[in-house]
Amino acid sequence: MNFTFQPRWKEELVCSSSLGELILEMPMGVPSIYLPTEAVWQAAAPEWARPYWNSIHVQLKAWCALRDIPLFVDDTASVFTQ
């Protein structure tokens, strides 16, 4: 599954794929991205996205590295839908 990433106001990162969109936290005070752990992802992500935690993690890690933005995988991170 391929994802594209687009920051938007309100400290959000929109993650888009052919199956849908979801939103991760992207605080702007100190630019960073927060991805829920795989366990939290399985409980909180939209059903269509649950099988793709590893895919989004790998792609998001590469996207963040190119932009020098820290990526944190955290139990307290949230995932939202539109």
C-alpha atoms as a PDB file:
ATOM      1  CA  MET A   1       0.000   0.000   0.000  1.00  0.00           C
ATOM      2  CA  ASN A   2       1.417   3.393  -0.970  1.00  0.00           C
ATOM      3  CA  PHE A   3       0.802   6.422   1.220  1.00  0.00           C
ATOM      4  CA  THR A   4       1.327  10.106   0.564  1.00  0.00           C
ATOM      5  CA  PHE A   5       1.844  12.584   3.392  1.00  0.00           C
ATOM      6  CA  GLN A   6       0.692  16.195   3.525  1.00  0.00           C
ATOM      7  CA  PRO A   7       1.014  18.508   6.544  1.00  0.00           C
ATOM      8  CA  ARG A   8      -1.948  20.781   7.179  1.00  0.00           C
ATOM      9  CA  TRP A   9      -2.941  23.406   9.706  1.00  0.00           C
ATOM     10  CA  LYS A  10      -4.007  22.394  13.201  1.00  0.00           C
ATOM     11  CA  GLU A  11      -0.832  20.350  13.623  1.00  0.00           C
ATOM     12  CA  GLU A  12      -1.985  17.444  11.490  1.00  0.00           C
ATOM     13  CA  LEU A  13      -0.376  15.152   8.946  1.00  0.00           C
ATOM     14  CA  VAL A  14      -2.831  13.778   6.388  1.00  0.00           C
ATOM     15  CA  CYS A  15      -1.874  10.275   5.256  1.00  0.00           C
ATOM     16  CA  SER A  16      -3.625   9.342   2.007  1.00  0.00           C
ATOM     17  CA  SER A  17      -3.885   6.040   0.176  1.00  0.00           C
ATOM     18  CA  SER A  18      -6.129   4.479  -2.430  1.00  0.00           C
ATOM     19  CA  LEU A  19      -8.260   3.072   0.404  1.00  0.00           C
ATOM     20  CA  GLY A  20      -8.754   6.288   2.365  1.00  0.00           C
ATOM     21  CA  GLU A  21      -7.195   8.988   4.506  1.00  0.00           C
ATOM     22  CA  LEU A  22      -6.203   9.201   8.127  1.00  0.00           C
ATOM     23  CA  ILE A  23      -4.599  11.871  10.259  1.00  0.00           C
ATOM     24  CA  LEU A  24      -1.615  11.728  12.596  1.00  0.00           C
ATOM     25  CA  GLU A  25      -0.366  14.287  15.099  1.00  0.00           C
ATOM     26  CA  MET A  26       2.271  16.729  13.807  1.00  0.00           C
ATOM     27  CA  PRO A  27       3.103  19.332  16.474  1.00  0.00           C
ATOM     28  CA  MET A  28       4.521  22.469  14.870  1.00  0.00           C
ATOM     29  CA  GLY A  29       6.267  24.034  17.881  1.00  0.00           C
ATOM     30  CA  VAL A  30       8.969  21.438  17.396  1.00  0.00           C
ATOM     31  CA  PRO A  31       8.093  19.733  14.094  1.00  0.00           C
ATOM     32  CA  SER A  32       7.680  16.009  14.683  1.00  0.00           C
ATOM     33  CA  ILE A  33       5.310  13.178  13.798  1.00  0.00           C
ATOM     34  CA  TYR A  34       3.645  10.803  16.234  1.00  0.00           C
ATOM     35  CA  LEU A  35       2.624   7.342  15.052  1.00  0.00           C
ATOM     36  CA  PRO A  36       0.772   5.011  17.428  1.00  0.00           C
ATOM     37  CA  THR A  37       2.470   1.738  18.311  1.00  0.00           C
ATOM     38  CA  GLU A  38       1.251  -1.240  16.334  1.00  0.00           C
ATOM     39  CA  ALA A  39      -0.926  -2.416  19.236  1.00  0.00           C
ATOM     40  CA  VAL A  40      -2.618   0.978  19.585  1.00  0.00           C
ATOM     41  CA  TRP A  41      -2.937   1.192  15.781  1.00  0.00           C
ATOM     42  CA  GLN A  42      -4.845  -2.103  15.717  1.00  0.00           C
ATOM     43  CA  ALA A  43      -7.348  -0.715  18.224  1.00  0.00           C
ATOM     44  CA  ALA A  44      -7.657   2.876  16.958  1.00  0.00           C
ATOM     45  CA  ALA A  45      -6.994   3.017  13.206  1.00  0.00           C
ATOM     46  CA  PRO A  46      -9.815   2.746  10.677  1.00  0.00           C
ATOM     47  CA  GLU A  47     -10.503  -0.879   9.816  1.00  0.00           C
ATOM     48  CA  TRP A  48      -9.151  -0.519   6.261  1.00  0.00           C
ATOM     49  CA  ALA A  49      -5.788   0.750   7.603  1.00  0.00           C
ATOM     50  CA  ARG A  50      -5.149  -1.843  10.313  1.00  0.00           C
ATOM     51  CA  PRO A  51      -3.218  -4.309   8.124  1.00  0.00           C
ATOM     52  CA  TYR A  52      -0.883  -1.533   6.940  1.00  0.00           C
ATOM     53  CA  TRP A  53       0.888  -0.390  10.113  1.00  0.00           C
ATOM     54  CA  ASN A  54       4.264  -1.704   8.954  1.00  0.00           C
ATOM     55  CA  SER A  55       3.839  -0.179   5.500  1.00  0.00           C
ATOM     56  CA  ILE A  56       2.924   3.269   6.809  1.00  0.00           C
ATOM     57  CA  HIS A  57       5.717   3.086   9.400  1.00  0.00           C
ATOM     58  CA  VAL A  58       8.383   2.354   6.766  1.00  0.00           C
ATOM     59  CA  GLN A  59       7.086   5.006   4.353  1.00  0.00           C
ATOM     60  CA  LEU A  60       6.611   7.618   7.071  1.00  0.00           C
ATOM     61  CA  LYS A  61      10.105   6.966   8.435  1.00  0.00           C
ATOM     62  CA  ALA A  62      11.566   7.626   4.964  1.00  0.00           C
ATOM     63  CA  TRP A  63       9.397  10.740   4.470  1.00  0.00           C
ATOM     64  CA  CYS A  64      10.475  12.133   7.846  1.00  0.00           C
ATOM     65  CA  ALA A  65      14.164  11.376   7.196  1.00  0.00           C
ATOM     66  CA  LEU A  66      14.096  13.338   3.924  1.00  0.00           C
ATOM     67  CA  ARG A  67      12.669  16.337   5.782  1.00  0.00           C
ATOM     68  CA  ASP A  68      14.732  15.968   8.955  1.00  0.00           C
ATOM     69  CA  ILE A  69      11.549  15.602  11.032  1.00  0.00           C
ATOM     70  CA  PRO A  70      11.675  13.273  14.056  1.00  0.00           C
ATOM     71  CA  LEU A  71       9.253  10.336  14.039  1.00  0.00           C
ATOM     72  CA  PHE A  72       8.050   9.009  17.382  1.00  0.00           C
ATOM     73  CA  VAL A  73       6.236   5.677  17.736  1.00  0.00           C
ATOM     74  CA  ASP A  74       4.312   6.095  20.947  1.00  0.00           C
ATOM     75  CA  ASP A  75       1.542   4.383  22.933  1.00  0.00           C
ATOM     76  CA  THR A  76      -0.122   7.765  23.527  1.00  0.00           C
ATOM     77  CA  ALA A  77      -0.192   8.853  19.860  1.00  0.00           C
ATOM     78  CA  SER A  78      -3.540   9.179  18.134  1.00  0.00           C
ATOM     79  CA  VAL A  79      -4.850   8.354  14.687  1.00  0.00           C
ATOM     80  CA  PHE A  80      -7.957  10.121  13.377  1.00  0.00           C
ATOM     81  CA  THR A  81     -10.169  10.012  10.317  1.00  0.00           C
ATOM     82  CA  GLN A  82     -11.562  13.004   8.458  1.00  0.00           C
END
